[in-house]
């Protein structure tokens, strides 16, 4: 059980007998469940009011998993047998809520971690938090263990584009995008293509009757990564053609090697590429600057738009609050403390 060990006018200090887990997304829930199965209690700190807040608050309505459900289920509890191969956003959220209920996981909500540091004299982690959206109301949690489970997509990336602030139409990040119905009849510029700008691997969601991810995992049992990448790209070329011809240049590294090196996930196509080939979606180079509703691109052409959607991705927020020696964190520490389950969607 947790116990309050000190209190002042500005900060309450609470001892946590088990690990402190930062983040109540899929990773945090999975860690808490696995620990509980071993008889180890934990404390989850979550800055929002919900579990899996990214899924609940910052995803579009029609989102579904792009990998078959067996590759996305959490430990100790499979998806319901009546779920489709690619569960919807609503089904995935319902699964996570059932998961938390089954294992009795009750996060501490509205607690934003602002600073976490290991005290080498006390041999303890000191985790300072603040009530989300407020100043003051500080609580410091103390434990022997800290687990960062905030994932790779905690904060929206807002690009610096000359003139964007003065754009006369609508501008929003995809974290606020819910449905295309609001843009019916409008000219929309989507900034970003996949996870790495205009250099991106586009792969079919399924190859040779299997999910692309499942085929990759199967081949990796017998073949090295660079060989599997070559096979995937050959099949993708046969199915999709030359993506570079349409302005989608492939990176130097193959899709699996790129994921391993940089964390950038390939785009699993479920219809967008056909829209590009038909001309319904047009590819443009990077933006030079924006003036009014006019957007000028690097190659010189310019067009007018009614709305700009920033599909520029997310980043981890761990470096903002976790204070450790970087060399230590990037090697041993990362494998011990920063636990992440990659749920692709």
C-alpha atoms as a PDB file:
ATOM      1  CA  UNK A   1       0.000   0.000   0.000  1.00  0.00           C
ATOM      2  CA  UNK A   2       1.066   3.598  -0.612  1.00  0.00           C
ATOM      3  CA  UNK A   3       1.632   5.820   2.394  1.00  0.00           C
ATOM      4  CA  UNK A   4       1.958   9.585   2.744  1.00  0.00           C
ATOM      5  CA  UNK A   5       5.359  10.166   4.292  1.00  0.00           C
ATOM      6  CA  UNK A   6       5.622  13.940   4.206  1.00  0.00           C
ATOM      7  CA  UNK A   7       3.472  16.986   3.529  1.00  0.00           C
ATOM      8  CA  UNK A   8       4.168  20.683   3.098  1.00  0.00           C
ATOM      9  CA  UNK A   9       2.094  23.651   1.969  1.00  0.00           C
ATOM     10  CA  UNK A  10       3.038  23.082  -1.673  1.00  0.00           C
ATOM     11  CA  UNK A  11       3.856  19.402  -2.058  1.00  0.00           C
ATOM     12  CA  UNK A  12       2.709  16.059  -0.750  1.00  0.00           C
ATOM     13  CA  UNK A  13       5.231  13.191  -0.796  1.00  0.00           C
ATOM     14  CA  UNK A  14       3.926   9.641  -1.215  1.00  0.00           C
ATOM     15  CA  UNK A  15       5.875   6.405  -0.873  1.00  0.00           C
ATOM     16  CA  UNK A  16       4.993   3.742  -3.465  1.00  0.00           C
ATOM     17  CA  UNK A  17       5.960   0.215  -2.477  1.00  0.00           C
ATOM     18  CA  UNK A  18       5.844  -1.103  -6.048  1.00  0.00           C
ATOM     19  CA  UNK A  19       6.932   0.353  -9.398  1.00  0.00           C
ATOM     20  CA  UNK A  20       5.653   3.700 -10.655  1.00  0.00           C
ATOM     21  CA  UNK A  21       4.339   3.434 -14.221  1.00  0.00           C
ATOM     22  CA  UNK A  22       3.991   6.642 -16.226  1.00  0.00           C
ATOM     23  CA  UNK A  23       1.212   6.340 -18.787  1.00  0.00           C
ATOM     24  CA  UNK A  24      -2.067   4.389 -18.887  1.00  0.00           C
ATOM     25  CA  UNK A  25      -1.898   3.434 -22.544  1.00  0.00           C
ATOM     26  CA  UNK A  26      -1.564  -0.138 -23.837  1.00  0.00           C
ATOM     27  CA  UNK A  27       2.028  -0.388 -22.588  1.00  0.00           C
ATOM     28  CA  UNK A  28       1.262   0.843 -19.092  1.00  0.00           C
ATOM     29  CA  UNK A  29      -1.755  -1.435 -18.780  1.00  0.00           C
ATOM     30  CA  UNK A  30       0.236  -4.447 -19.982  1.00  0.00           C
ATOM     31  CA  UNK A  31       3.049  -3.831 -17.505  1.00  0.00           C
ATOM     32  CA  UNK A  32       0.629  -3.363 -14.598  1.00  0.00           C
ATOM     33  CA  UNK A  33      -1.238  -6.576 -15.492  1.00  0.00           C
ATOM     34  CA  UNK A  34       1.944  -8.649 -15.796  1.00  0.00           C
ATOM     35  CA  UNK A  35       3.243  -7.319 -12.476  1.00  0.00           C
ATOM     36  CA  UNK A  36      -0.077  -8.050 -10.781  1.00  0.00           C
ATOM     37  CA  UNK A  37       0.014 -11.639 -12.043  1.00  0.00           C
ATOM     38  CA  UNK A  38       3.336 -11.943 -10.190  1.00  0.00           C
ATOM     39  CA  UNK A  39       1.816 -10.502  -7.034  1.00  0.00           C
ATOM     40  CA  UNK A  40       3.461  -7.088  -7.473  1.00  0.00           C
ATOM     41  CA  UNK A  41       1.364  -3.951  -7.074  1.00  0.00           C
ATOM     42  CA  UNK A  42       2.098  -0.765  -9.007  1.00  0.00           C
ATOM     43  CA  UNK A  43       0.959   2.819  -9.393  1.00  0.00           C
ATOM     44  CA  UNK A  44       0.014   4.181 -12.833  1.00  0.00           C
ATOM     45  CA  UNK A  45       0.183   7.944 -13.291  1.00  0.00           C
ATOM     46  CA  UNK A  46      -1.933   9.234 -16.197  1.00  0.00           C
ATOM     47  CA  UNK A  47      -2.181  12.878 -17.245  1.00  0.00           C
ATOM     48  CA  UNK A  48      -5.686  12.575 -18.769  1.00  0.00           C
ATOM     49  CA  UNK A  49      -9.048  11.324 -17.517  1.00  0.00           C
ATOM     50  CA  UNK A  50      -8.913   8.097 -19.524  1.00  0.00           C
ATOM     51  CA  UNK A  51      -6.898   5.004 -20.203  1.00  0.00           C
ATOM     52  CA  UNK A  52      -5.385   5.017 -23.712  1.00  0.00           C
ATOM     53  CA  UNK A  53      -6.028   8.754 -24.041  1.00  0.00           C
ATOM     54  CA  UNK A  54      -4.367   8.959 -27.458  1.00  0.00           C
ATOM     55  CA  UNK A  55      -6.854   6.411 -28.796  1.00  0.00           C
ATOM     56  CA  UNK A  56      -9.818   7.979 -27.036  1.00  0.00           C
ATOM     57  CA  UNK A  57      -9.144  11.655 -27.663  1.00  0.00           C
ATOM     58  CA  UNK A  58      -6.766  12.086 -30.602  1.00  0.00           C
ATOM     59  CA  UNK A  59      -7.747   9.592 -33.274  1.00  0.00           C
ATOM     60  CA  UNK A  60     -10.182   9.846 -36.156  1.00  0.00           C
ATOM     61  CA  UNK A  61     -13.553   8.119 -36.151  1.00  0.00           C
ATOM     62  CA  UNK A  62     -12.872   5.501 -38.861  1.00  0.00           C
ATOM     63  CA  UNK A  63      -9.541   4.334 -37.443  1.00  0.00           C
ATOM     64  CA  UNK A  64      -8.941   0.604 -37.200  1.00  0.00           C
ATOM     65  CA  UNK A  65      -5.926  -1.556 -36.483  1.00  0.00           C
ATOM     66  CA  UNK A  66      -3.843  -2.116 -39.608  1.00  0.00           C
ATOM     67  CA  UNK A  67      -2.351  -5.322 -38.258  1.00  0.00           C
ATOM     68  CA  UNK A  68      -4.331  -8.487 -37.553  1.00  0.00           C
ATOM     69  CA  UNK A  69      -5.621  -8.602 -34.002  1.00  0.00           C
ATOM     70  CA  UNK A  70      -3.305 -11.427 -32.890  1.00  0.00           C
ATOM     71  CA  UNK A  71      -0.311  -9.091 -33.275  1.00  0.00           C
ATOM     72  CA  UNK A  72      -1.916  -6.323 -31.209  1.00  0.00           C
ATOM     73  CA  UNK A  73      -3.415  -8.087 -28.194  1.00  0.00           C
ATOM     74  CA  UNK A  74      -1.948  -7.442 -24.767  1.00  0.00           C
ATOM     75  CA  UNK A  75      -0.399 -10.153 -22.553  1.00  0.00           C
ATOM     76  CA  UNK A  76      -2.654 -12.572 -20.651  1.00  0.00           C
ATOM     77  CA  UNK A  77      -5.881 -11.652 -22.460  1.00  0.00           C
ATOM     78  CA  UNK A  78      -6.694 -12.183 -26.159  1.00  0.00           C
ATOM     79  CA  UNK A  79      -9.217 -10.159 -28.133  1.00  0.00           C
ATOM     80  CA  UNK A  80     -12.810 -11.444 -28.044  1.00  0.00           C
ATOM     81  CA  UNK A  81     -13.279 -14.246 -30.571  1.00  0.00           C
ATOM     82  CA  UNK A  82     -16.057 -12.367 -32.382  1.00  0.00           C
ATOM     83  CA  UNK A  83     -13.843  -9.370 -33.166  1.00  0.00           C
ATOM     84  CA  UNK A  84     -12.905  -8.893 -36.840  1.00  0.00           C
ATOM     85  CA  UNK A  85      -9.350  -9.425 -38.091  1.00  0.00           C
ATOM     86  CA  UNK A  86      -8.773  -5.662 -37.988  1.00  0.00           C
ATOM     87  CA  UNK A  87     -10.675  -4.299 -34.953  1.00  0.00           C
ATOM     88  CA  UNK A  88     -12.080  -0.790 -35.093  1.00  0.00           C
ATOM     89  CA  UNK A  89     -11.005   2.042 -32.829  1.00  0.00           C
ATOM     90  CA  UNK A  90     -14.135   1.584 -30.712  1.00  0.00           C
ATOM     91  CA  UNK A  91     -13.516  -2.158 -30.379  1.00  0.00           C
ATOM     92  CA  UNK A  92      -9.885  -1.638 -29.401  1.00  0.00           C
ATOM     93  CA  UNK A  93     -10.838   0.902 -26.723  1.00  0.00           C
ATOM     94  CA  UNK A  94     -13.509  -1.472 -25.388  1.00  0.00           C
ATOM     95  CA  UNK A  95     -10.897  -4.234 -25.250  1.00  0.00           C
ATOM     96  CA  UNK A  96      -8.492  -2.018 -23.278  1.00  0.00           C
ATOM     97  CA  UNK A  97     -11.233  -1.026 -20.827  1.00  0.00           C
ATOM     98  CA  UNK A  98     -12.139  -4.691 -20.319  1.00  0.00           C
ATOM     99  CA  UNK A  99      -8.445  -5.473 -19.850  1.00  0.00           C
ATOM    100  CA  UNK A 100      -8.090  -2.831 -17.124  1.00  0.00           C
ATOM    101  CA  UNK A 101     -11.254  -4.088 -15.401  1.00  0.00           C
ATOM    102  CA  UNK A 102     -10.159  -7.730 -15.518  1.00  0.00           C
ATOM    103  CA  UNK A 103      -6.852  -7.009 -13.795  1.00  0.00           C
ATOM    104  CA  UNK A 104      -8.227  -4.374 -11.429  1.00  0.00           C
ATOM    105  CA  UNK A 105      -6.044  -1.628 -12.871  1.00  0.00           C
ATOM    106  CA  UNK A 106      -7.045   1.795 -11.534  1.00  0.00           C
ATOM    107  CA  UNK A 107      -4.700   4.556 -12.689  1.00  0.00           C
ATOM    108  CA  UNK A 108      -4.278   7.814 -10.833  1.00  0.00           C
ATOM    109  CA  UNK A 109      -5.759  10.247 -13.365  1.00  0.00           C
ATOM    110  CA  UNK A 110      -5.046  13.937 -14.012  1.00  0.00           C
ATOM    111  CA  UNK A 111      -1.446  13.612 -12.826  1.00  0.00           C
ATOM    112  CA  UNK A 112       1.155  15.043 -15.212  1.00  0.00           C
ATOM    113  CA  UNK A 113       4.742  14.005 -14.491  1.00  0.00           C
ATOM    114  CA  UNK A 114       6.909  17.117 -14.685  1.00  0.00           C
ATOM    115  CA  UNK A 115      10.191  15.763 -13.319  1.00  0.00           C
ATOM    116  CA  UNK A 116      11.590  12.316 -12.526  1.00  0.00           C
ATOM    117  CA  UNK A 117      15.080  11.820 -11.174  1.00  0.00           C
ATOM    118  CA  UNK A 118      17.019   9.026  -9.521  1.00  0.00           C
ATOM    119  CA  UNK A 119      18.560   9.975  -6.172  1.00  0.00           C
ATOM    120  CA  UNK A 120      21.817   8.035  -5.965  1.00  0.00           C
ATOM    121  CA  UNK A 121      22.141   8.607  -2.223  1.00  0.00           C
ATOM    122  CA  UNK A 122      18.654   7.397  -1.366  1.00  0.00           C
ATOM    123  CA  UNK A 123      18.672   4.820  -4.197  1.00  0.00           C
ATOM    124  CA  UNK A 124      15.136   5.915  -4.999  1.00  0.00           C
ATOM    125  CA  UNK A 125      13.216   7.524  -7.858  1.00  0.00           C
ATOM    126  CA  UNK A 126      11.660  10.917  -7.055  1.00  0.00           C
ATOM    127  CA  UNK A 127       8.751  11.587  -9.402  1.00  0.00           C
ATOM    128  CA  UNK A 128       7.208  15.059  -9.212  1.00  0.00           C
ATOM    129  CA  UNK A 129       3.711  15.530 -10.598  1.00  0.00           C
ATOM    130  CA  UNK A 130       1.222  18.326 -10.998  1.00  0.00           C
ATOM    131  CA  UNK A 131      -2.524  18.272 -11.414  1.00  0.00           C
ATOM    132  CA  UNK A 132      -3.090  18.293 -15.176  1.00  0.00           C
ATOM    133  CA  UNK A 133      -3.898  21.717 -16.551  1.00  0.00           C
ATOM    134  CA  UNK A 134      -3.190  23.471 -13.262  1.00  0.00           C
ATOM    135  CA  UNK A 135      -0.371  25.217 -11.480  1.00  0.00           C
ATOM    136  CA  UNK A 136       0.467  24.130  -7.959  1.00  0.00           C
ATOM    137  CA  UNK A 137      -1.096  21.049  -6.347  1.00  0.00           C
ATOM    138  CA  UNK A 138       2.190  19.169  -6.565  1.00  0.00           C
ATOM    139  CA  UNK A 139       2.575  15.571  -5.446  1.00  0.00           C
ATOM    140  CA  UNK A 140       5.917  13.762  -5.344  1.00  0.00           C
ATOM    141  CA  UNK A 141       5.927   9.966  -5.548  1.00  0.00           C
ATOM    142  CA  UNK A 142       8.892   7.957  -4.306  1.00  0.00           C
ATOM    143  CA  UNK A 143       9.732   4.420  -5.387  1.00  0.00           C
ATOM    144  CA  UNK A 144      12.611   2.056  -6.084  1.00  0.00           C
ATOM    145  CA  UNK A 145      11.399   1.533  -9.651  1.00  0.00           C
ATOM    146  CA  UNK A 146      10.188   3.752 -12.499  1.00  0.00           C
ATOM    147  CA  UNK A 147       8.693   2.537 -15.781  1.00  0.00           C
ATOM    148  CA  UNK A 148       8.186   4.992 -18.652  1.00  0.00           C
ATOM    149  CA  UNK A 149       5.214   3.756 -20.687  1.00  0.00           C
ATOM    150  CA  UNK A 150       4.199   6.948 -22.471  1.00  0.00           C
ATOM    151  CA  UNK A 151       4.955   5.537 -25.913  1.00  0.00           C
ATOM    152  CA  UNK A 152       6.308   7.175 -29.043  1.00  0.00           C
ATOM    153  CA  UNK A 153       3.223   9.307 -29.747  1.00  0.00           C
ATOM    154  CA  UNK A 154       2.709  11.447 -26.663  1.00  0.00           C
ATOM    155  CA  UNK A 155       3.068  14.917 -28.197  1.00  0.00           C
ATOM    156  CA  UNK A 156       1.886  16.245 -31.565  1.00  0.00           C
ATOM    157  CA  UNK A 157       4.670  17.540 -33.822  1.00  0.00           C
ATOM    158  CA  UNK A 158       3.903  21.043 -35.077  1.00  0.00           C
ATOM    159  CA  UNK A 159       6.179  21.966 -38.008  1.00  0.00           C
ATOM    160  CA  UNK A 160       7.666  25.418 -38.550  1.00  0.00           C
ATOM    161  CA  UNK A 161       6.288  26.548 -41.927  1.00  0.00           C
ATOM    162  CA  UNK A 162       6.822  30.090 -43.156  1.00  0.00           C
ATOM    163  CA  UNK A 163       3.465  31.881 -43.141  1.00  0.00           C
ATOM    164  CA  UNK A 164       1.440  29.093 -41.527  1.00  0.00           C
ATOM    165  CA  UNK A 165       0.282  31.321 -38.675  1.00  0.00           C
ATOM    166  CA  UNK A 166      -1.200  33.770 -41.184  1.00  0.00           C
ATOM    167  CA  UNK A 167      -3.011  31.158 -43.296  1.00  0.00           C
ATOM    168  CA  UNK A 168      -6.544  32.431 -43.859  1.00  0.00           C
ATOM    169  CA  UNK A 169      -8.240  29.035 -43.862  1.00  0.00           C
ATOM    170  CA  UNK A 170      -8.582  26.235 -41.319  1.00  0.00           C
ATOM    171  CA  UNK A 171      -5.424  24.659 -39.836  1.00  0.00           C
ATOM    172  CA  UNK A 172      -5.467  21.605 -37.600  1.00  0.00           C
ATOM    173  CA  UNK A 173      -3.194  18.754 -36.591  1.00  0.00           C
ATOM    174  CA  UNK A 174      -4.417  15.212 -37.227  1.00  0.00           C
ATOM    175  CA  UNK A 175      -4.708  14.778 -33.453  1.00  0.00           C
ATOM    176  CA  UNK A 176      -7.802  17.008 -33.757  1.00  0.00           C
ATOM    177  CA  UNK A 177      -9.094  15.457 -37.007  1.00  0.00           C
ATOM    178  CA  UNK A 178     -12.185  13.265 -36.626  1.00  0.00           C
ATOM    179  CA  UNK A 179     -13.889  13.010 -40.018  1.00  0.00           C
ATOM    180  CA  UNK A 180     -13.555  14.246 -43.578  1.00  0.00           C
ATOM    181  CA  UNK A 181     -17.181  15.406 -43.621  1.00  0.00           C
ATOM    182  CA  UNK A 182     -16.163  18.847 -42.345  1.00  0.00           C
ATOM    183  CA  UNK A 183     -13.999  19.325 -45.457  1.00  0.00           C
ATOM    184  CA  UNK A 184     -16.533  18.310 -48.098  1.00  0.00           C
ATOM    185  CA  UNK A 185     -16.215  20.491 -51.199  1.00  0.00           C
ATOM    186  CA  UNK A 186     -13.015  22.171 -49.958  1.00  0.00           C
ATOM    187  CA  UNK A 187      -9.467  22.118 -51.281  1.00  0.00           C
ATOM    188  CA  UNK A 188      -7.381  20.514 -48.530  1.00  0.00           C
ATOM    189  CA  UNK A 189      -3.601  20.350 -48.227  1.00  0.00           C
ATOM    190  CA  UNK A 190      -2.344  17.469 -46.096  1.00  0.00           C
ATOM    191  CA  UNK A 191       1.191  18.158 -44.844  1.00  0.00           C
ATOM    192  CA  UNK A 192       3.106  14.921 -44.327  1.00  0.00           C
ATOM    193  CA  UNK A 193       2.934  11.474 -45.857  1.00  0.00           C
ATOM    194  CA  UNK A 194       3.307   8.610 -43.440  1.00  0.00           C
ATOM    195  CA  UNK A 195       6.005   8.880 -40.798  1.00  0.00           C
ATOM    196  CA  UNK A 196       8.892  10.446 -42.693  1.00  0.00           C
ATOM    197  CA  UNK A 197       7.742  13.163 -45.069  1.00  0.00           C
ATOM    198  CA  UNK A 198       7.882  12.325 -48.750  1.00  0.00           C
ATOM    199  CA  UNK A 199      10.407   9.526 -48.357  1.00  0.00           C
ATOM    200  CA  UNK A 200       8.245   6.692 -47.111  1.00  0.00           C
ATOM    201  CA  UNK A 201       7.734   2.983 -47.575  1.00  0.00           C
ATOM    202  CA  UNK A 202       4.235   2.235 -48.815  1.00  0.00           C
ATOM    203  CA  UNK A 203       3.368  -1.458 -48.473  1.00  0.00           C
ATOM    204  CA  UNK A 204       0.089  -3.281 -49.114  1.00  0.00           C
ATOM    205  CA  UNK A 205      -1.640  -4.267 -45.884  1.00  0.00           C
ATOM    206  CA  UNK A 206      -1.702  -7.870 -47.127  1.00  0.00           C
ATOM    207  CA  UNK A 207       0.711  -9.837 -49.328  1.00  0.00           C
ATOM    208  CA  UNK A 208       0.360 -13.369 -50.704  1.00  0.00           C
ATOM    209  CA  UNK A 209      -2.805 -13.932 -48.692  1.00  0.00           C
ATOM    210  CA  UNK A 210      -1.175 -12.950 -45.391  1.00  0.00           C
ATOM    211  CA  UNK A 211      -0.931  -9.692 -43.491  1.00  0.00           C
ATOM    212  CA  UNK A 212       2.277  -7.905 -44.458  1.00  0.00           C
ATOM    213  CA  UNK A 213       3.346  -7.831 -40.822  1.00  0.00           C
ATOM    214  CA  UNK A 214       2.574 -11.531 -40.375  1.00  0.00           C
ATOM    215  CA  UNK A 215       4.537 -12.392 -43.514  1.00  0.00           C
ATOM    216  CA  UNK A 216       7.458 -10.310 -42.234  1.00  0.00           C
ATOM    217  CA  UNK A 217       7.486 -12.102 -38.874  1.00  0.00           C
ATOM    218  CA  UNK A 218       7.316 -15.479 -40.618  1.00  0.00           C
ATOM    219  CA  UNK A 219      10.238 -14.719 -42.944  1.00  0.00           C
ATOM    220  CA  UNK A 220      12.349 -13.300 -40.101  1.00  0.00           C
ATOM    221  CA  UNK A 221      12.382 -16.734 -38.478  1.00  0.00           C
ATOM    222  CA  UNK A 222      14.681 -17.968 -41.239  1.00  0.00           C
ATOM    223  CA  UNK A 223      16.105 -14.941 -43.035  1.00  0.00           C
ATOM    224  CA  UNK A 224      18.072 -11.822 -42.022  1.00  0.00           C
ATOM    225  CA  UNK A 225      16.350  -8.437 -41.991  1.00  0.00           C
ATOM    226  CA  UNK A 226      17.922  -7.103 -45.195  1.00  0.00           C
ATOM    227  CA  UNK A 227      16.792 -10.177 -47.138  1.00  0.00           C
ATOM    228  CA  UNK A 228      13.240  -9.927 -45.793  1.00  0.00           C
ATOM    229  CA  UNK A 229      13.197  -6.236 -46.719  1.00  0.00           C
ATOM    230  CA  UNK A 230      14.240  -7.088 -50.263  1.00  0.00           C
ATOM    231  CA  UNK A 231      11.444  -9.663 -50.551  1.00  0.00           C
ATOM    232  CA  UNK A 232       8.844  -7.232 -49.195  1.00  0.00           C
ATOM    233  CA  UNK A 233       9.917  -4.512 -51.599  1.00  0.00           C
ATOM    234  CA  UNK A 234       9.867  -6.862 -54.586  1.00  0.00           C
ATOM    235  CA  UNK A 235       6.321  -7.928 -53.767  1.00  0.00           C
ATOM    236  CA  UNK A 236       5.282  -4.315 -53.129  1.00  0.00           C
ATOM    237  CA  UNK A 237       6.768  -3.283 -56.489  1.00  0.00           C
ATOM    238  CA  UNK A 238       4.787  -6.017 -58.244  1.00  0.00           C
ATOM    239  CA  UNK A 239       1.556  -4.997 -56.493  1.00  0.00           C
ATOM    240  CA  UNK A 240       1.868  -1.207 -56.413  1.00  0.00           C
ATOM    241  CA  UNK A 241       4.349  -0.360 -59.146  1.00  0.00           C
ATOM    242  CA  UNK A 242       7.008   2.326 -58.848  1.00  0.00           C
ATOM    243  CA  UNK A 243       5.873   4.637 -56.049  1.00  0.00           C
ATOM    244  CA  UNK A 244       8.679   7.122 -56.796  1.00  0.00           C
ATOM    245  CA  UNK A 245       7.056   7.838 -60.176  1.00  0.00           C
ATOM    246  CA  UNK A 246       4.150   9.360 -58.252  1.00  0.00           C
ATOM    247  CA  UNK A 247       6.348  11.378 -55.893  1.00  0.00           C
ATOM    248  CA  UNK A 248       6.682   8.838 -53.079  1.00  0.00           C
ATOM    249  CA  UNK A 249      10.393   8.140 -52.899  1.00  0.00           C
ATOM    250  CA  UNK A 250      11.444   5.099 -50.925  1.00  0.00           C
ATOM    251  CA  UNK A 251      14.111   5.537 -48.196  1.00  0.00           C
ATOM    252  CA  UNK A 252      17.592   4.067 -48.602  1.00  0.00           C
ATOM    253  CA  UNK A 253      16.945   1.482 -45.880  1.00  0.00           C
ATOM    254  CA  UNK A 254      14.303  -1.216 -46.204  1.00  0.00           C
ATOM    255  CA  UNK A 255      11.065  -0.980 -44.181  1.00  0.00           C
ATOM    256  CA  UNK A 256      12.051  -3.330 -41.345  1.00  0.00           C
ATOM    257  CA  UNK A 257      15.591  -1.994 -41.063  1.00  0.00           C
ATOM    258  CA  UNK A 258      14.283   1.581 -41.057  1.00  0.00           C
ATOM    259  CA  UNK A 259      11.850   0.697 -38.268  1.00  0.00           C
ATOM    260  CA  UNK A 260      14.688  -0.829 -36.258  1.00  0.00           C
ATOM    261  CA  UNK A 261      17.018   2.141 -36.770  1.00  0.00           C
ATOM    262  CA  UNK A 262      14.652   5.076 -36.446  1.00  0.00           C
ATOM    263  CA  UNK A 263      11.296   3.792 -35.182  1.00  0.00           C
ATOM    264  CA  UNK A 264       9.604   4.957 -38.401  1.00  0.00           C
ATOM    265  CA  UNK A 265       6.852   2.563 -39.397  1.00  0.00           C
ATOM    266  CA  UNK A 266       5.979   1.851 -43.044  1.00  0.00           C
ATOM    267  CA  UNK A 267       2.594   2.958 -44.346  1.00  0.00           C
ATOM    268  CA  UNK A 268       0.243   0.002 -44.778  1.00  0.00           C
ATOM    269  CA  UNK A 269      -1.981   0.971 -47.678  1.00  0.00           C
ATOM    270  CA  UNK A 270      -5.729   0.290 -47.568  1.00  0.00           C
ATOM    271  CA  UNK A 271      -6.806   2.494 -50.473  1.00  0.00           C
ATOM    272  CA  UNK A 272      -4.887   5.768 -50.419  1.00  0.00           C
ATOM    273  CA  UNK A 273      -2.383   4.668 -53.053  1.00  0.00           C
ATOM    274  CA  UNK A 274      -5.193   3.930 -55.531  1.00  0.00           C
ATOM    275  CA  UNK A 275      -6.469   7.488 -54.967  1.00  0.00           C
ATOM    276  CA  UNK A 276      -2.974   8.812 -55.711  1.00  0.00           C
ATOM    277  CA  UNK A 277      -2.722   6.781 -58.910  1.00  0.00           C
ATOM    278  CA  UNK A 278      -6.156   7.986 -60.057  1.00  0.00           C
ATOM    279  CA  UNK A 279      -5.259  11.620 -59.400  1.00  0.00           C
ATOM    280  CA  UNK A 280      -7.877  12.163 -56.681  1.00  0.00           C
ATOM    281  CA  UNK A 281      -4.972  12.796 -54.309  1.00  0.00           C
ATOM    282  CA  UNK A 282      -2.055  14.771 -55.730  1.00  0.00           C
ATOM    283  CA  UNK A 283       1.517  14.704 -54.411  1.00  0.00           C
ATOM    284  CA  UNK A 284       3.411  17.967 -53.981  1.00  0.00           C
ATOM    285  CA  UNK A 285       6.968  18.706 -52.761  1.00  0.00           C
ATOM    286  CA  UNK A 286       7.790  20.566 -49.548  1.00  0.00           C
ATOM    287  CA  UNK A 287       6.282  23.997 -48.830  1.00  0.00           C
ATOM    288  CA  UNK A 288       8.346  27.128 -49.446  1.00  0.00           C
ATOM    289  CA  UNK A 289       5.942  29.574 -47.816  1.00  0.00           C
ATOM    290  CA  UNK A 290       2.265  30.436 -47.291  1.00  0.00           C
ATOM    291  CA  UNK A 291       0.599  33.747 -48.046  1.00  0.00           C
ATOM    292  CA  UNK A 292      -3.112  34.182 -47.345  1.00  0.00           C
ATOM    293  CA  UNK A 293      -4.660  31.038 -48.840  1.00  0.00           C
ATOM    294  CA  UNK A 294      -1.853  30.563 -51.366  1.00  0.00           C
ATOM    295  CA  UNK A 295       0.771  27.886 -50.770  1.00  0.00           C
ATOM    296  CA  UNK A 296       3.998  28.036 -52.776  1.00  0.00           C
ATOM    297  CA  UNK A 297       5.966  24.793 -53.107  1.00  0.00           C
ATOM    298  CA  UNK A 298       9.707  24.275 -53.480  1.00  0.00           C
ATOM    299  CA  UNK A 299       9.531  23.473 -57.163  1.00  0.00           C
ATOM    300  CA  UNK A 300       7.886  26.821 -57.859  1.00  0.00           C
ATOM    301  CA  UNK A 301       4.210  25.999 -58.398  1.00  0.00           C
ATOM    302  CA  UNK A 302       1.556  27.504 -56.136  1.00  0.00           C
ATOM    303  CA  UNK A 303      -2.051  26.617 -55.314  1.00  0.00           C
ATOM    304  CA  UNK A 304      -4.829  27.952 -53.114  1.00  0.00           C
ATOM    305  CA  UNK A 305      -6.351  25.871 -50.321  1.00  0.00           C
ATOM    306  CA  UNK A 306      -9.263  26.191 -47.911  1.00  0.00           C
ATOM    307  CA  UNK A 307      -7.751  24.045 -45.162  1.00  0.00           C
ATOM    308  CA  UNK A 308      -4.424  22.570 -44.061  1.00  0.00           C
ATOM    309  CA  UNK A 309      -4.235  19.323 -42.112  1.00  0.00           C
ATOM    310  CA  UNK A 310      -0.892  18.707 -40.405  1.00  0.00           C
ATOM    311  CA  UNK A 311      -0.236  14.966 -40.642  1.00  0.00           C
ATOM    312  CA  UNK A 312       3.207  15.528 -39.167  1.00  0.00           C
ATOM    313  CA  UNK A 313       3.111  12.873 -36.483  1.00  0.00           C
ATOM    314  CA  UNK A 314       4.035  12.703 -32.842  1.00  0.00           C
ATOM    315  CA  UNK A 315       7.058  12.428 -30.588  1.00  0.00           C
ATOM    316  CA  UNK A 316       7.860  10.967 -27.196  1.00  0.00           C
ATOM    317  CA  UNK A 317       7.734  13.354 -24.239  1.00  0.00           C
ATOM    318  CA  UNK A 318      10.054  11.280 -22.035  1.00  0.00           C
ATOM    319  CA  UNK A 319      13.112  13.541 -22.570  1.00  0.00           C
ATOM    320  CA  UNK A 320      11.076  16.466 -21.193  1.00  0.00           C
ATOM    321  CA  UNK A 321      10.594  14.986 -17.740  1.00  0.00           C
ATOM    322  CA  UNK A 322      13.047  12.102 -17.274  1.00  0.00           C
ATOM    323  CA  UNK A 323      16.326  13.504 -15.975  1.00  0.00           C
ATOM    324  CA  UNK A 324      19.166  11.007 -16.373  1.00  0.00           C
ATOM    325  CA  UNK A 325      22.656  10.938 -17.831  1.00  0.00           C
ATOM    326  CA  UNK A 326      22.025  10.431 -21.540  1.00  0.00           C
ATOM    327  CA  UNK A 327      24.743   7.817 -22.065  1.00  0.00           C
ATOM    328  CA  UNK A 328      23.275   5.775 -19.238  1.00  0.00           C
ATOM    329  CA  UNK A 329      19.734   6.143 -20.572  1.00  0.00           C
ATOM    330  CA  UNK A 330      20.598   5.267 -24.152  1.00  0.00           C
ATOM    331  CA  UNK A 331      22.104   1.907 -23.228  1.00  0.00           C
ATOM    332  CA  UNK A 332      21.404  -0.028 -20.043  1.00  0.00           C
ATOM    333  CA  UNK A 333      18.741   2.266 -18.660  1.00  0.00           C
ATOM    334  CA  UNK A 334      16.535   2.172 -21.738  1.00  0.00           C
ATOM    335  CA  UNK A 335      16.219  -1.604 -21.632  1.00  0.00           C
ATOM    336  CA  UNK A 336      15.407  -1.679 -17.925  1.00  0.00           C
ATOM    337  CA  UNK A 337      13.120   1.277 -17.451  1.00  0.00           C
ATOM    338  CA  UNK A 338      11.596   2.364 -20.740  1.00  0.00           C
ATOM    339  CA  UNK A 339       9.193  -0.462 -21.486  1.00  0.00           C
ATOM    340  CA  UNK A 340       7.106  -0.140 -24.655  1.00  0.00           C
ATOM    341  CA  UNK A 341       4.743  -2.486 -26.452  1.00  0.00           C
ATOM    342  CA  UNK A 342       4.560  -1.499 -30.113  1.00  0.00           C
ATOM    343  CA  UNK A 343       0.915  -1.570 -31.141  1.00  0.00           C
ATOM    344  CA  UNK A 344       0.826  -0.677 -34.819  1.00  0.00           C
ATOM    345  CA  UNK A 345      -2.261   0.847 -36.313  1.00  0.00           C
END
